[in-house]
Amino acid sequence: MAAHLHKRLNDYISSLIQEGILNEQFNQLKSLQDESNPDFVIEVLSLFFDDSERLLNELAKSLDQQIVDFKKVDSHAHQFKGSSSSVGAKRVQDACMSFRWYCNQENLEGCKKCLQQLRNEYALVKSKLDILLKLEQQILAASGRK
């Protein structure tokens, strides 16, 4: 049972990499998980989700100001790029890079469009990673750990 779930999980990760949703960084992250820390990926992804929600809210709030502080917006986009990069969320990372370009141009409309793109890419990667987390939890349950 657990071997079958591991294969499903690995096939699913491969498909996400082929689709460009994740990159190889995710496999590096996954390689840090072992018997002594079987929840590692679940914990890191939970932190990523929490951080992403917070940053999306901060970005929206910053862009709604009367006078937009583009350095602050860029700082939030930079943080988001870093956290998405650490989990291998390639399309989110790419959207953050576009966002930062518009911040440097102080282009409010471009930033607002990038925020919407970033929300869309994040929603996509979150839905895909939620499926991945369910597979991880099934593997833990099958091996008697949770």
N, C-alpha and C. Protein backbone atom coordinates (compact mmCIF):
# COMPACT_ATOMS: atom_id res chain seq x y z
N MET A 1 0.82 -1.21 0.00
CA MET A 1 0.00 0.00 0.00
C MET A 1 0.86 1.26 0.00
N ALA A 2 1.81 1.32 0.94
CA ALA A 2 2.67 2.51 1.03
C ALA A 2 3.51 2.66 -0.24
N ALA A 3 3.98 1.56 -0.80
CA ALA A 3 4.78 1.63 -2.03
C ALA A 3 3.95 2.19 -3.18
N HIS A 4 2.70 1.77 -3.26
CA HIS A 4 1.79 2.29 -4.29
C HIS A 4 1.57 3.79 -4.11
N LEU A 5 1.39 4.22 -2.85
CA LEU A 5 1.20 5.66 -2.57
C LEU A 5 2.46 6.46 -2.90
N HIS A 6 3.62 5.90 -2.58
CA HIS A 6 4.88 6.58 -2.92
C HIS A 6 5.00 6.77 -4.43
N LYS A 7 4.64 5.74 -5.18
CA LYS A 7 4.70 5.85 -6.64
C LYS A 7 3.74 6.92 -7.13
N ARG A 8 2.51 6.91 -6.61
CA ARG A 8 1.53 7.95 -7.00
C ARG A 8 2.05 9.35 -6.69
N LEU A 9 2.65 9.49 -5.49
CA LEU A 9 3.20 10.79 -5.10
C LEU A 9 4.32 11.22 -6.04
N ASN A 10 5.26 10.31 -6.31
CA ASN A 10 6.38 10.65 -7.19
C ASN A 10 5.93 10.96 -8.61
N ASP A 11 4.95 10.20 -9.11
CA ASP A 11 4.40 10.48 -10.44
C ASP A 11 3.72 11.85 -10.47
N TYR A 12 3.00 12.16 -9.40
CA TYR A 12 2.30 13.44 -9.32
C TYR A 12 3.31 14.60 -9.30
N ILE A 13 4.37 14.47 -8.51
CA ILE A 13 5.41 15.51 -8.45
C ILE A 13 6.04 15.68 -9.83
N SER A 14 6.34 14.57 -10.49
CA SER A 14 6.93 14.64 -11.84
C SER A 14 6.01 15.38 -12.81
N SER A 15 4.71 15.11 -12.71
CA SER A 15 3.77 15.80 -13.62
C SER A 15 3.74 17.31 -13.32
N LEU A 16 3.82 17.69 -12.05
CA LEU A 16 3.82 19.12 -11.70
C LEU A 16 5.10 19.81 -12.21
N ILE A 17 6.19 19.08 -12.20
CA ILE A 17 7.45 19.64 -12.72
C ILE A 17 7.35 19.76 -14.24
N GLN A 18 6.82 18.72 -14.90
CA GLN A 18 6.66 18.78 -16.36
C GLN A 18 5.73 19.91 -16.78
N GLU A 19 4.70 20.19 -15.98
CA GLU A 19 3.77 21.28 -16.29
C GLU A 19 4.35 22.66 -15.98
N GLY A 20 5.51 22.69 -15.31
CA GLY A 20 6.13 23.97 -14.96
C GLY A 20 5.54 24.62 -13.73
N ILE A 21 4.72 23.89 -13.00
CA ILE A 21 4.13 24.43 -11.77
C ILE A 21 5.16 24.40 -10.65
N LEU A 22 5.92 23.31 -10.60
CA LEU A 22 7.03 23.18 -9.65
C LEU A 22 8.33 23.05 -10.45
N ASN A 23 9.45 23.24 -9.75
CA ASN A 23 10.74 22.95 -10.37
C ASN A 23 11.51 21.98 -9.48
N GLU A 24 12.72 21.68 -9.85
CA GLU A 24 13.52 20.68 -9.14
C GLU A 24 13.78 21.04 -7.68
N GLN A 25 13.65 22.31 -7.33
CA GLN A 25 13.84 22.73 -5.94
C GLN A 25 12.89 21.95 -5.02
N PHE A 26 11.70 21.63 -5.52
CA PHE A 26 10.76 20.86 -4.69
C PHE A 26 11.34 19.49 -4.34
N ASN A 27 11.98 18.83 -5.31
CA ASN A 27 12.60 17.53 -5.03
C ASN A 27 13.73 17.67 -4.02
N GLN A 28 14.46 18.78 -4.09
CA GLN A 28 15.53 19.01 -3.10
C GLN A 28 14.92 19.17 -1.71
N LEU A 29 13.82 19.91 -1.64
CA LEU A 29 13.12 20.08 -0.37
C LEU A 29 12.66 18.71 0.15
N LYS A 30 12.06 17.92 -0.74
CA LYS A 30 11.55 16.60 -0.36
C LYS A 30 12.68 15.69 0.11
N SER A 31 13.87 15.85 -0.46
CA SER A 31 15.00 14.99 -0.08
C SER A 31 15.45 15.25 1.37
N LEU A 32 15.06 16.38 1.92
CA LEU A 32 15.42 16.70 3.32
C LEU A 32 14.52 15.97 4.32
N GLN A 33 13.43 15.39 3.83
CA GLN A 33 12.51 14.65 4.69
C GLN A 33 13.05 13.24 4.88
N ASP A 34 13.04 12.78 6.12
CA ASP A 34 13.51 11.42 6.39
C ASP A 34 12.73 10.83 7.56
N GLU A 35 13.15 9.67 8.02
CA GLU A 35 12.46 8.97 9.11
C GLU A 35 12.40 9.82 10.37
N SER A 36 13.44 10.59 10.64
CA SER A 36 13.46 11.40 11.87
C SER A 36 12.56 12.63 11.76
N ASN A 37 12.20 13.00 10.53
CA ASN A 37 11.33 14.17 10.34
C ASN A 37 10.35 13.89 9.20
N PRO A 38 9.41 12.95 9.43
CA PRO A 38 8.51 12.54 8.35
C PRO A 38 7.49 13.61 7.93
N ASP A 39 7.30 14.63 8.76
CA ASP A 39 6.34 15.70 8.45
C ASP A 39 7.00 16.92 7.83
N PHE A 40 8.27 16.83 7.47
CA PHE A 40 9.02 18.01 7.04
C PHE A 40 8.34 18.75 5.90
N VAL A 41 7.98 18.06 4.83
CA VAL A 41 7.38 18.71 3.66
C VAL A 41 6.04 19.34 4.04
N ILE A 42 5.25 18.62 4.82
CA ILE A 42 3.95 19.15 5.27
C ILE A 42 4.16 20.45 6.05
N GLU A 43 5.13 20.45 6.96
CA GLU A 43 5.40 21.64 7.78
C GLU A 43 5.87 22.82 6.93
N VAL A 44 6.79 22.56 6.01
CA VAL A 44 7.33 23.64 5.17
C VAL A 44 6.22 24.21 4.27
N LEU A 45 5.41 23.34 3.69
CA LEU A 45 4.34 23.83 2.82
C LEU A 45 3.28 24.60 3.62
N SER A 46 3.00 24.18 4.84
CA SER A 46 2.05 24.92 5.68
C SER A 46 2.58 26.33 5.96
N LEU A 47 3.86 26.44 6.24
CA LEU A 47 4.48 27.76 6.45
C LEU A 47 4.41 28.59 5.17
N PHE A 48 4.66 27.96 4.03
CA PHE A 48 4.58 28.65 2.74
C PHE A 48 3.17 29.18 2.51
N PHE A 49 2.15 28.37 2.78
CA PHE A 49 0.76 28.81 2.60
C PHE A 49 0.45 30.00 3.50
N ASP A 50 0.83 29.91 4.77
CA ASP A 50 0.56 31.01 5.71
C ASP A 50 1.26 32.29 5.26
N ASP A 51 2.53 32.15 4.90
CA ASP A 51 3.33 33.30 4.47
C ASP A 51 2.75 33.91 3.19
N SER A 52 2.34 33.07 2.27
CA SER A 52 1.79 33.53 0.99
C SER A 52 0.50 34.32 1.18
N GLU A 53 -0.38 33.81 2.03
CA GLU A 53 -1.64 34.51 2.30
C GLU A 53 -1.35 35.89 2.89
N ARG A 54 -0.43 35.93 3.83
CA ARG A 54 -0.06 37.20 4.47
C ARG A 54 0.52 38.17 3.44
N LEU A 55 1.42 37.68 2.60
CA LEU A 55 2.05 38.56 1.61
C LEU A 55 1.06 39.04 0.55
N LEU A 56 0.14 38.18 0.12
CA LEU A 56 -0.87 38.62 -0.84
C LEU A 56 -1.73 39.73 -0.24
N ASN A 57 -2.08 39.60 1.03
CA ASN A 57 -2.85 40.65 1.71
C ASN A 57 -2.06 41.94 1.82
N GLU A 58 -0.77 41.82 2.17
CA GLU A 58 0.10 43.01 2.28
C GLU A 58 0.26 43.70 0.93
N LEU A 59 0.42 42.92 -0.12
CA LEU A 59 0.56 43.49 -1.46
C LEU A 59 -0.70 44.24 -1.86
N ALA A 60 -1.86 43.63 -1.63
CA ALA A 60 -3.13 44.27 -1.98
C ALA A 60 -3.31 45.56 -1.19
N LYS A 61 -3.01 45.50 0.10
CA LYS A 61 -3.15 46.67 0.96
C LYS A 61 -2.22 47.79 0.50
N SER A 62 -0.98 47.44 0.19
CA SER A 62 0.01 48.43 -0.24
C SER A 62 -0.39 49.09 -1.56
N LEU A 63 -0.96 48.31 -2.47
CA LEU A 63 -1.35 48.87 -3.78
C LEU A 63 -2.63 49.71 -3.69
N ASP A 64 -3.37 49.58 -2.60
CA ASP A 64 -4.61 50.35 -2.43
C ASP A 64 -4.38 51.70 -1.74
N GLN A 65 -3.15 51.99 -1.38
CA GLN A 65 -2.86 53.25 -0.70
C GLN A 65 -3.01 54.43 -1.66
N GLN A 66 -3.33 55.58 -1.10
CA GLN A 66 -3.43 56.82 -1.87
C GLN A 66 -2.11 57.09 -2.61
N ILE A 67 -1.02 57.00 -1.85
CA ILE A 67 0.32 57.13 -2.44
C ILE A 67 1.01 55.78 -2.23
N VAL A 68 1.28 55.11 -3.33
CA VAL A 68 1.86 53.77 -3.25
C VAL A 68 3.36 53.86 -2.98
N ASP A 69 3.80 53.12 -1.97
CA ASP A 69 5.23 53.01 -1.65
C ASP A 69 5.76 51.79 -2.42
N PHE A 70 6.30 52.07 -3.61
CA PHE A 70 6.73 50.97 -4.48
C PHE A 70 7.88 50.17 -3.88
N LYS A 71 8.69 50.80 -3.03
CA LYS A 71 9.78 50.07 -2.38
C LYS A 71 9.20 49.02 -1.42
N LYS A 72 8.14 49.40 -0.72
CA LYS A 72 7.47 48.47 0.19
C LYS A 72 6.81 47.33 -0.61
N VAL A 73 6.14 47.68 -1.70
CA VAL A 73 5.51 46.66 -2.55
C VAL A 73 6.59 45.72 -3.08
N ASP A 74 7.70 46.27 -3.54
CA ASP A 74 8.79 45.46 -4.06
C ASP A 74 9.34 44.53 -2.98
N SER A 75 9.43 45.04 -1.76
CA SER A 75 9.93 44.23 -0.65
C SER A 75 9.01 43.02 -0.41
N HIS A 76 7.70 43.24 -0.45
CA HIS A 76 6.76 42.13 -0.28
C HIS A 76 6.88 41.14 -1.44
N ALA A 77 6.99 41.66 -2.67
CA ALA A 77 7.12 40.78 -3.85
C ALA A 77 8.43 39.99 -3.76
N HIS A 78 9.48 40.63 -3.26
CA HIS A 78 10.78 39.96 -3.10
C HIS A 78 10.67 38.82 -2.08
N GLN A 79 9.98 39.08 -0.96
CA GLN A 79 9.78 38.03 0.06
C GLN A 79 8.99 36.86 -0.52
N PHE A 80 7.95 37.20 -1.28
CA PHE A 80 7.12 36.16 -1.89
C PHE A 80 7.94 35.33 -2.88
N LYS A 81 8.78 36.01 -3.65
CA LYS A 81 9.65 35.31 -4.60
C LYS A 81 10.56 34.34 -3.85
N GLY A 82 11.11 34.79 -2.74
CA GLY A 82 12.01 33.95 -1.96
C GLY A 82 11.32 32.73 -1.39
N SER A 83 10.14 32.93 -0.81
CA SER A 83 9.45 31.78 -0.21
C SER A 83 8.96 30.81 -1.29
N SER A 84 8.50 31.33 -2.42
CA SER A 84 8.06 30.44 -3.50
C SER A 84 9.24 29.69 -4.10
N SER A 85 10.38 30.35 -4.17
CA SER A 85 11.58 29.71 -4.68
C SER A 85 12.02 28.57 -3.76
N SER A 86 11.90 28.77 -2.46
CA SER A 86 12.37 27.75 -1.51
C SER A 86 11.55 26.46 -1.58
N VAL A 87 10.29 26.55 -2.02
CA VAL A 87 9.47 25.33 -2.15
C VAL A 87 9.37 24.86 -3.59
N GLY A 88 9.98 25.58 -4.52
CA GLY A 88 9.98 25.16 -5.92
C GLY A 88 8.72 25.55 -6.68
N ALA A 89 7.99 26.55 -6.18
CA ALA A 89 6.75 26.99 -6.85
C ALA A 89 7.13 27.93 -8.01
N LYS A 90 7.53 27.33 -9.12
CA LYS A 90 8.13 28.06 -10.24
C LYS A 90 7.25 29.16 -10.81
N ARG A 91 5.98 28.86 -11.07
CA ARG A 91 5.12 29.86 -11.71
C ARG A 91 4.84 31.04 -10.78
N VAL A 92 4.74 30.77 -9.48
CA VAL A 92 4.58 31.86 -8.50
C VAL A 92 5.86 32.70 -8.50
N GLN A 93 6.98 32.05 -8.49
CA GLN A 93 8.27 32.74 -8.51
C GLN A 93 8.38 33.62 -9.76
N ASP A 94 8.01 33.11 -10.92
CA ASP A 94 8.06 33.88 -12.17
C ASP A 94 7.14 35.09 -12.10
N ALA A 95 5.93 34.91 -11.53
CA ALA A 95 4.99 36.03 -11.40
C ALA A 95 5.56 37.10 -10.48
N CYS A 96 6.27 36.69 -9.45
CA CYS A 96 6.91 37.65 -8.54
C CYS A 96 7.99 38.45 -9.25
N MET A 97 8.72 37.81 -10.14
CA MET A 97 9.77 38.52 -10.88
C MET A 97 9.16 39.58 -11.78
N SER A 98 8.03 39.28 -12.43
CA SER A 98 7.34 40.29 -13.24
C SER A 98 6.84 41.43 -12.36
N PHE A 99 6.28 41.07 -11.23
CA PHE A 99 5.76 42.04 -10.28
C PHE A 99 6.87 43.01 -9.88
N ARG A 100 8.03 42.48 -9.56
CA ARG A 100 9.16 43.34 -9.14
C ARG A 100 9.59 44.27 -10.27
N TRP A 101 9.51 43.80 -11.50
CA TRP A 101 9.88 44.65 -12.63
C TRP A 101 8.95 45.86 -12.68
N TYR A 102 7.63 45.62 -12.54
CA TYR A 102 6.67 46.73 -12.55
C TYR A 102 6.85 47.64 -11.34
N CYS A 103 7.23 47.08 -10.20
CA CYS A 103 7.52 47.91 -9.02
C CYS A 103 8.67 48.87 -9.31
N ASN A 104 9.73 48.34 -9.92
CA ASN A 104 10.89 49.18 -10.24
C ASN A 104 10.54 50.26 -11.25
N GLN A 105 9.53 50.01 -12.10
CA GLN A 105 9.06 51.01 -13.07
C GLN A 105 8.05 51.97 -12.42
N GLU A 106 7.64 51.65 -11.17
CA GLU A 106 6.59 52.39 -10.46
C GLU A 106 5.31 52.46 -11.31
N ASN A 107 4.99 51.33 -11.91
CA ASN A 107 3.84 51.20 -12.80
C ASN A 107 2.68 50.56 -12.00
N LEU A 108 1.77 51.40 -11.51
CA LEU A 108 0.69 50.92 -10.65
C LEU A 108 -0.23 49.93 -11.37
N GLU A 109 -0.62 50.23 -12.60
CA GLU A 109 -1.51 49.33 -13.34
C GLU A 109 -0.82 47.98 -13.59
N GLY A 110 0.44 48.03 -13.94
CA GLY A 110 1.21 46.80 -14.15
C GLY A 110 1.28 45.99 -12.86
N CYS A 111 1.48 46.67 -11.74
CA CYS A 111 1.54 45.99 -10.44
C CYS A 111 0.20 45.35 -10.10
N LYS A 112 -0.89 46.07 -10.39
CA LYS A 112 -2.22 45.51 -10.09
C LYS A 112 -2.51 44.28 -10.95
N LYS A 113 -2.10 44.33 -12.21
CA LYS A 113 -2.27 43.16 -13.08
C LYS A 113 -1.42 41.99 -12.57
N CYS A 114 -0.20 42.30 -12.14
CA CYS A 114 0.68 41.25 -11.62
C CYS A 114 0.13 40.67 -10.32
N LEU A 115 -0.50 41.50 -9.50
CA LEU A 115 -1.10 40.98 -8.27
C LEU A 115 -2.18 39.96 -8.61
N GLN A 116 -3.00 40.25 -9.61
CA GLN A 116 -4.04 39.30 -10.01
C GLN A 116 -3.41 38.02 -10.57
N GLN A 117 -2.37 38.17 -11.37
CA GLN A 117 -1.67 36.99 -11.91
C GLN A 117 -1.07 36.18 -10.76
N LEU A 118 -0.49 36.88 -9.80
CA LEU A 118 0.12 36.22 -8.66
C LEU A 118 -0.93 35.46 -7.85
N ARG A 119 -2.09 36.07 -7.65
CA ARG A 119 -3.18 35.38 -6.94
C ARG A 119 -3.58 34.11 -7.70
N ASN A 120 -3.70 34.22 -9.01
CA ASN A 120 -4.09 33.06 -9.83
C ASN A 120 -3.06 31.95 -9.76
N GLU A 121 -1.78 32.31 -9.90
CA GLU A 121 -0.71 31.30 -9.86
C GLU A 121 -0.62 30.66 -8.48
N TYR A 122 -0.79 31.49 -7.43
CA TYR A 122 -0.75 30.94 -6.08
C TYR A 122 -1.93 29.98 -5.85
N ALA A 123 -3.13 30.37 -6.29
CA ALA A 123 -4.30 29.50 -6.13
C ALA A 123 -4.08 28.16 -6.84
N LEU A 124 -3.48 28.21 -8.03
CA LEU A 124 -3.20 26.99 -8.78
C LEU A 124 -2.20 26.11 -8.02
N VAL A 125 -1.08 26.69 -7.61
CA VAL A 125 -0.06 25.88 -6.94
C VAL A 125 -0.58 25.37 -5.60
N LYS A 126 -1.38 26.17 -4.90
CA LYS A 126 -1.93 25.72 -3.62
C LYS A 126 -2.86 24.53 -3.83
N SER A 127 -3.71 24.58 -4.84
CA SER A 127 -4.62 23.46 -5.08
C SER A 127 -3.84 22.20 -5.43
N LYS A 128 -2.78 22.35 -6.22
CA LYS A 128 -1.95 21.18 -6.59
C LYS A 128 -1.19 20.65 -5.37
N LEU A 129 -0.66 21.57 -4.54
CA LEU A 129 0.09 21.15 -3.37
C LEU A 129 -0.82 20.56 -2.29
N ASP A 130 -2.08 21.00 -2.25
CA ASP A 130 -3.03 20.40 -1.31
C ASP A 130 -3.22 18.92 -1.63
N ILE A 131 -3.30 18.59 -2.92
CA ILE A 131 -3.42 17.18 -3.34
C ILE A 131 -2.17 16.42 -2.92
N LEU A 132 -1.02 17.04 -3.14
CA LEU A 132 0.25 16.43 -2.77
C LEU A 132 0.30 16.18 -1.26
N LEU A 133 -0.16 17.15 -0.47
CA LEU A 133 -0.16 16.99 0.99
C LEU A 133 -1.08 15.84 1.42
N LYS A 134 -2.20 15.69 0.75
CA LYS A 134 -3.10 14.58 1.08
C LYS A 134 -2.40 13.23 0.81
N LEU A 135 -1.66 13.15 -0.28
CA LEU A 135 -0.90 11.93 -0.57
C LEU A 135 0.16 11.69 0.51
N GLU A 136 0.86 12.76 0.92
CA GLU A 136 1.87 12.64 1.99
C GLU A 136 1.22 12.11 3.26
N GLN A 137 0.05 12.65 3.61
CA GLN A 137 -0.63 12.22 4.83
C GLN A 137 -1.10 10.77 4.72
N GLN A 138 -1.53 10.36 3.53
CA GLN A 138 -1.93 8.96 3.33
C GLN A 138 -0.72 8.02 3.52
N ILE A 139 0.43 8.47 3.04
CA ILE A 139 1.65 7.67 3.20
C ILE A 139 2.00 7.53 4.68
N LEU A 140 1.92 8.64 5.41
CA LEU A 140 2.21 8.60 6.84
C LEU A 140 1.22 7.66 7.56
N ALA A 141 -0.05 7.76 7.21
CA ALA A 141 -1.07 6.91 7.84
C ALA A 141 -0.83 5.43 7.50
N ALA A 142 -0.48 5.16 6.25
CA ALA A 142 -0.24 3.77 5.81
C ALA A 142 0.97 3.16 6.51
N SER A 143 1.93 4.01 6.86
CA SER A 143 3.12 3.50 7.53
C SER A 143 2.95 3.53 9.05
N GLY A 144 1.75 3.90 9.50
CA GLY A 144 1.45 3.86 10.94
C GLY A 144 1.99 5.01 11.73
N ARG A 145 2.35 6.11 11.05
CA ARG A 145 2.93 7.25 11.77
C ARG A 145 1.91 8.33 12.11
N LYS A 146 0.74 8.33 11.45
CA LYS A 146 -0.26 9.36 11.78
C LYS A 146 -1.62 8.87 11.43
